[in-house]
Structure formats: structure tokens, C-alpha cells
Amino acid sequence: MQALRIGTGCAITMLLGACAGAVKPVPPAQISLPSAPLATSATSSAPVQGRIPDGAYLETGTAAWYGKELQGRKTADGEVFDMYGLTAAHRTLPLGTIILVTNLDNSKSVEVKITDRGPFTNNRVLDLSYGAARELGFVAQGTARVSIEILKTAREPALYTVQAATFAEEENARQLKYRLSKKFEVVTIVPFETNVARFYRVRVGSYSSEALAEQVAKKLTSEGLEPIVLRKD
């Protein structure tokens, strides 16, 4: 289940990255979870984030939750996803990192473990399991403004990649790969299975620092895409 998350109602929206230009992703569908209302789309502005000298990490932005669409699937760290557990997906924090997430609307907090990658949209900073969202009190709303603090981080060498887009049709992914291969040396298609459907992620490169990956992301933005920088696992 590598790198994918959202509030259940936004499941396909999260799974499909935005893509403009000659090749467009399939319009998102909606999934419902019997035990929870439909999640709403995030509407907040881009997150504010930073690092302080001792290595602790503070990030503020929008979080969503996900559940049934990935229940029982393997996460990026190889564990089986339990929607009722206390886990989360983050784009760049090392897998295994323990974070404290606080709902800024009601001051509720919960400790969760980073087990997966995502969100795959620039207007969210974190995707939480259904169980974590329930602890934070925002299942009904679908999204919430949260702060993230590191409690325990896993130290490991890092490589980064840039996800250009996600498609429901393999042919669309192949067309984008062909277009990007004219300008970028390494472009790959990564298939991804959920309990809903099969998706195809188009990713560019492998970079030794997040800064280098961000430079490539800017170039992809000029191609009419909405790229996401991810830690490679």
C-alpha cells in the first residue's frame, strides 16, 4: 500500500494525483465507509513547516483519514494496515517515526507511527488511519487542521523521488512517461493495488536530498503537473 492516504470519502481523490496537459487522470470517484460519514475535501492553504536546531520537527497543516479502501493491504514499511490502529502516512518522515498529532480545533492529541507514504496532494500534510482520526475527533468532518511533533525518529539514509501523477488507466501513465522521458533521465511507472481499484503512479528520478527533488518538482510544475516529493523506501 505504498504511499497513499486520505479520509475515506476522498479515497480515490487522494490516490489520483492531479495532472494537466495532454494527459489527464480519470475523474475521482467516491467511496463510502459504513462506520463513518463521507469525508470532505481539504480546502486549507499550503502547510507551514520547519525544523529547529535540536532536530525536532514541527509541521502544521491539514490532515485527512483513510480506512476501508486499504484495510488489510501492506503499507510502505511492510506491515498490514489496520484502519482501527494508530498509524499515519507522511511524504518524507522516516518510516517508524513516532509523532504526536494535535487537532488544532479541539486540542485533542494522539501518538501515531509513520508506516506509509502520502498524502498525494499538496493541500494536506498527513493522512491518518480511521482509528487515529477517531481519537482526534474529526471523522465526521473528514479533515482537520493539525500540528505534528516528532517524539521518536528512525535514523536512516534517505533517497527521494518525485511523483508526477497517478492514473487509473495504464495507457495514460505510459503516455506521460513517454512525454517526461524526453526531459528526465529516469521515469518509472509504479502499479498500486487498493481494495477499490488498480492505479499507476508515474515517478521521476532518485535524489540524494529533498532539495534536489524539490528542484525537479518545480520543473514538473512547469509541465502542467502537480508533483509530490516523496522519500523512497
Protein backbone atom coordinates (compact mmCIF):
# COMPACT_ATOMS: atom_id res chain seq x y z
CA MET A 1 0.00 0.00 0.00
CA GLN A 2 2.93 2.24 -0.52
CA ALA A 3 2.48 5.85 -0.07
CA LEU A 4 -1.25 6.56 -0.28
CA ARG A 5 -3.83 8.07 2.02
CA ILE A 6 -6.98 10.14 2.68
CA GLY A 7 -10.21 10.42 4.53
CA THR A 8 -12.39 7.60 3.28
CA GLY A 9 -14.75 9.78 1.28
CA CYS A 10 -11.76 11.25 -0.59
CA ALA A 11 -10.11 7.88 -1.19
CA ILE A 12 -9.86 7.99 -4.95
CA THR A 13 -9.12 11.72 -4.92
CA MET A 14 -6.04 11.03 -2.82
CA LEU A 15 -5.00 8.03 -4.87
CA LEU A 16 -5.10 10.01 -8.10
CA GLY A 17 -2.56 12.82 -8.37
CA ALA A 18 -3.60 15.86 -10.39
CA CYS A 19 -2.25 16.06 -13.92
CA ALA A 20 -2.80 18.74 -16.54
CA GLY A 21 -1.84 18.96 -20.19
CA ALA A 22 -2.28 16.39 -22.92
CA VAL A 23 -2.76 13.52 -20.48
CA LYS A 24 -5.37 13.76 -17.76
CA PRO A 25 -6.20 11.35 -14.91
CA VAL A 26 -9.62 9.77 -14.65
CA PRO A 27 -12.02 11.98 -12.60
CA PRO A 28 -12.14 10.81 -8.97
CA ALA A 29 -14.93 8.64 -7.64
CA GLN A 30 -16.23 8.42 -4.09
CA ILE A 31 -16.09 5.53 -1.64
CA SER A 32 -18.19 5.25 1.49
CA LEU A 33 -17.26 3.60 4.76
CA PRO A 34 -20.28 2.19 6.61
CA SER A 35 -18.92 3.23 10.01
CA ALA A 36 -18.12 6.83 9.05
CA PRO A 37 -19.66 9.75 7.12
CA LEU A 38 -18.24 10.86 3.80
CA ALA A 39 -15.05 12.89 4.21
CA THR A 40 -14.81 16.37 2.72
CA SER A 41 -12.06 17.75 0.53
CA ALA A 42 -9.30 19.75 2.15
CA THR A 43 -9.56 23.48 1.46
CA SER A 44 -6.75 24.97 3.52
CA SER A 45 -3.70 26.69 2.10
CA ALA A 46 -0.26 25.12 1.80
CA PRO A 47 1.29 23.88 5.09
CA VAL A 48 3.77 25.80 7.17
CA GLN A 49 6.70 23.70 8.29
CA GLY A 50 10.16 24.00 9.76
CA ARG A 51 12.99 22.34 11.63
CA ILE A 52 14.53 23.52 14.89
CA PRO A 53 18.23 23.11 15.81
CA ASP A 54 17.92 20.01 18.00
CA GLY A 55 16.43 18.02 15.14
CA ALA A 56 12.83 18.03 16.39
CA TYR A 57 10.23 18.66 13.71
CA LEU A 58 7.15 20.87 13.77
CA GLU A 59 4.65 20.94 10.91
CA THR A 60 1.19 22.45 10.70
CA GLY A 61 -1.39 21.79 8.00
CA THR A 62 -4.42 19.74 7.00
CA ALA A 63 -4.83 16.04 7.80
CA ALA A 64 -7.37 13.58 6.40
CA TRP A 65 -8.11 9.94 7.19
CA TYR A 66 -8.41 6.65 5.32
CA GLY A 67 -9.70 3.20 6.15
CA LYS A 68 -11.68 0.53 4.34
CA GLU A 69 -10.12 1.13 0.92
CA LEU A 70 -6.73 -0.02 2.27
CA GLN A 71 -7.77 -2.37 5.08
CA GLY A 72 -5.54 -5.45 5.11
CA ARG A 73 -3.14 -4.06 2.49
CA LYS A 74 0.59 -3.81 3.11
CA THR A 75 1.97 -0.39 3.95
CA ALA A 76 5.32 1.03 2.83
CA ASP A 77 7.06 -0.47 5.87
CA GLY A 78 5.70 -3.96 5.11
CA GLU A 79 3.12 -4.00 7.89
CA VAL A 80 -0.53 -4.89 7.25
CA PHE A 81 -2.75 -1.82 7.51
CA ASP A 82 -5.32 -1.86 10.31
CA MET A 83 -7.78 1.00 9.90
CA TYR A 84 -8.55 0.89 13.63
CA GLY A 85 -4.88 1.23 14.62
CA LEU A 86 -2.93 4.42 15.30
CA THR A 87 -0.84 4.95 12.18
CA ALA A 88 -0.24 7.60 9.55
CA ALA A 89 1.22 8.32 6.13
CA HIS A 90 3.73 11.13 5.58
CA ARG A 91 5.67 12.03 2.46
CA THR A 92 9.19 12.37 3.88
CA LEU A 93 9.46 11.40 7.57
CA PRO A 94 11.34 8.09 8.06
CA LEU A 95 9.14 5.02 8.40
CA GLY A 96 8.85 4.01 12.03
CA THR A 97 8.90 7.61 13.29
CA ILE A 98 6.54 8.23 16.21
CA ILE A 99 4.75 11.58 16.07
CA LEU A 100 2.33 13.49 18.27
CA VAL A 101 -0.59 14.82 16.24
CA THR A 102 -2.81 17.54 17.76
CA ASN A 103 -6.16 18.62 16.35
CA LEU A 104 -5.90 22.42 16.46
CA ASP A 105 -9.70 22.79 16.52
CA ASN A 106 -10.33 20.80 19.73
CA SER A 107 -6.81 20.35 21.25
CA LYS A 108 -7.11 16.54 21.23
CA SER A 109 -3.80 14.71 20.66
CA VAL A 110 -2.73 11.19 19.72
CA GLU A 111 0.59 9.40 19.18
CA VAL A 112 0.86 7.60 15.85
CA LYS A 113 3.51 5.68 13.92
CA ILE A 114 4.50 6.57 10.36
CA THR A 115 4.01 3.36 8.38
CA ASP A 116 3.21 4.60 4.89
CA ARG A 117 3.73 7.29 2.25
CA GLY A 118 1.35 10.10 1.31
CA PRO A 119 -0.65 12.28 1.10
CA PHE A 120 -0.53 12.56 -2.68
CA THR A 121 -1.96 16.04 -2.80
CA ASN A 122 -0.26 19.31 -1.92
CA ASN A 123 -3.07 20.64 0.27
CA ARG A 124 -2.55 18.03 3.01
CA VAL A 125 0.45 17.21 5.21
CA LEU A 126 -0.73 13.93 6.79
CA ASP A 127 -3.11 11.04 6.22
CA LEU A 128 -4.22 9.25 9.38
CA SER A 129 -5.82 5.88 9.96
CA TYR A 130 -9.53 5.87 10.81
CA GLY A 131 -8.63 4.94 14.40
CA ALA A 132 -6.33 7.95 14.78
CA ALA A 133 -8.91 10.31 13.28
CA ARG A 134 -11.49 8.96 15.71
CA GLU A 135 -9.16 9.71 18.63
CA LEU A 136 -8.71 13.25 17.30
CA GLY A 137 -12.43 13.75 16.85
CA PHE A 138 -12.65 14.61 13.15
CA VAL A 139 -14.08 11.50 11.48
CA ALA A 140 -17.33 13.27 10.61
CA GLN A 141 -15.59 16.34 9.20
CA GLY A 142 -13.14 14.28 7.12
CA THR A 143 -10.26 16.73 7.52
CA ALA A 144 -8.77 18.81 10.33
CA ARG A 145 -6.04 21.35 10.91
CA VAL A 146 -3.29 19.61 12.88
CA SER A 147 0.20 20.11 14.24
CA ILE A 148 2.87 17.39 14.05
CA GLU A 149 5.71 16.90 16.52
CA ILE A 150 8.32 14.15 16.43
CA LEU A 151 8.57 12.04 19.59
CA LYS A 152 10.93 9.38 18.26
CA THR A 153 12.51 9.30 14.82
CA ALA A 154 14.12 6.47 12.91
CA ARG A 155 17.58 7.47 11.63
CA GLU A 156 18.33 6.11 8.19
CA PRO A 157 19.92 7.23 4.89
CA ALA A 158 17.39 8.87 2.62
CA LEU A 159 16.70 9.00 -1.10
CA TYR A 160 13.87 11.00 -2.62
CA THR A 161 11.73 10.73 -5.73
CA VAL A 162 9.08 12.92 -7.33
CA GLN A 163 5.63 11.59 -8.12
CA ALA A 164 4.31 13.35 -11.20
CA ALA A 165 0.78 11.91 -11.33
CA THR A 166 -1.42 8.89 -10.63
CA PHE A 167 -3.75 7.28 -13.18
CA ALA A 168 -6.48 4.67 -13.18
CA GLU A 169 -5.61 3.75 -16.80
CA GLU A 170 -2.18 2.29 -17.54
CA GLU A 171 -2.12 3.77 -21.05
CA ASN A 172 -2.42 7.29 -19.64
CA ALA A 173 0.54 6.58 -17.37
CA ARG A 174 2.55 5.28 -20.33
CA GLN A 175 1.80 8.42 -22.34
CA LEU A 176 3.00 10.66 -19.53
CA LYS A 177 6.11 8.52 -19.03
CA TYR A 178 6.93 8.85 -22.73
CA ARG A 179 6.50 12.62 -22.59
CA LEU A 180 8.60 13.07 -19.46
CA SER A 181 11.34 10.67 -20.65
CA LYS A 182 12.30 13.26 -23.26
CA LYS A 183 13.37 15.64 -20.47
CA PHE A 184 14.18 13.44 -17.48
CA GLU A 185 16.63 10.55 -17.37
CA VAL A 186 14.70 8.13 -15.14
CA VAL A 187 10.90 7.89 -15.30
CA THR A 188 9.10 4.84 -13.91
CA ILE A 189 5.54 3.57 -13.58
CA VAL A 190 4.70 2.04 -10.20
CA PRO A 191 1.46 -0.03 -10.09
CA PHE A 192 -0.50 0.16 -6.86
CA GLU A 193 -3.42 -2.06 -5.70
CA THR A 194 -6.16 -0.97 -3.32
CA ASN A 195 -9.39 -2.67 -2.33
CA VAL A 196 -11.09 -0.33 -4.79
CA ALA A 197 -9.01 -0.47 -7.97
CA ARG A 198 -5.54 -0.64 -9.51
CA PHE A 199 -3.63 2.60 -10.06
CA TYR A 200 -0.45 3.60 -11.90
CA ARG A 201 1.95 6.14 -10.40
CA VAL A 202 4.42 7.96 -12.60
CA ARG A 203 7.62 8.83 -10.72
CA VAL A 204 10.73 10.73 -11.73
CA GLY A 205 14.29 10.11 -10.54
CA SER A 206 16.12 9.17 -7.36
CA TYR A 207 17.80 12.01 -5.49
CA SER A 208 20.16 12.19 -2.53
CA SER A 209 18.44 15.17 -0.93
CA GLU A 210 14.97 16.60 -0.61
CA ALA A 211 16.26 19.90 -2.03
CA LEU A 212 17.31 18.24 -5.29
CA ALA A 213 13.94 16.52 -5.56
CA GLU A 214 12.19 19.85 -4.99
CA GLN A 215 14.12 21.35 -7.93
CA VAL A 216 12.81 18.57 -10.17
CA ALA A 217 9.31 19.10 -8.78
CA LYS A 218 9.46 22.75 -9.87
CA LYS A 219 10.36 21.66 -13.40
CA LEU A 220 7.42 19.22 -13.42
CA THR A 221 5.12 22.00 -12.27
CA SER A 222 6.12 23.95 -15.40
CA GLU A 223 4.97 20.87 -17.36
CA GLY A 224 1.44 21.45 -16.05
CA LEU A 225 1.66 18.78 -13.34
CA GLU A 226 1.17 18.87 -9.58
CA PRO A 227 4.18 16.83 -8.36
CA ILE A 228 4.74 15.45 -4.88
CA VAL A 229 8.20 14.86 -3.35
CA LEU A 230 8.43 11.51 -1.55
CA ARG A 231 11.01 9.66 0.46
CA LYS A 232 11.96 6.41 -1.29
CA ASP A 233 11.62 3.26 0.84
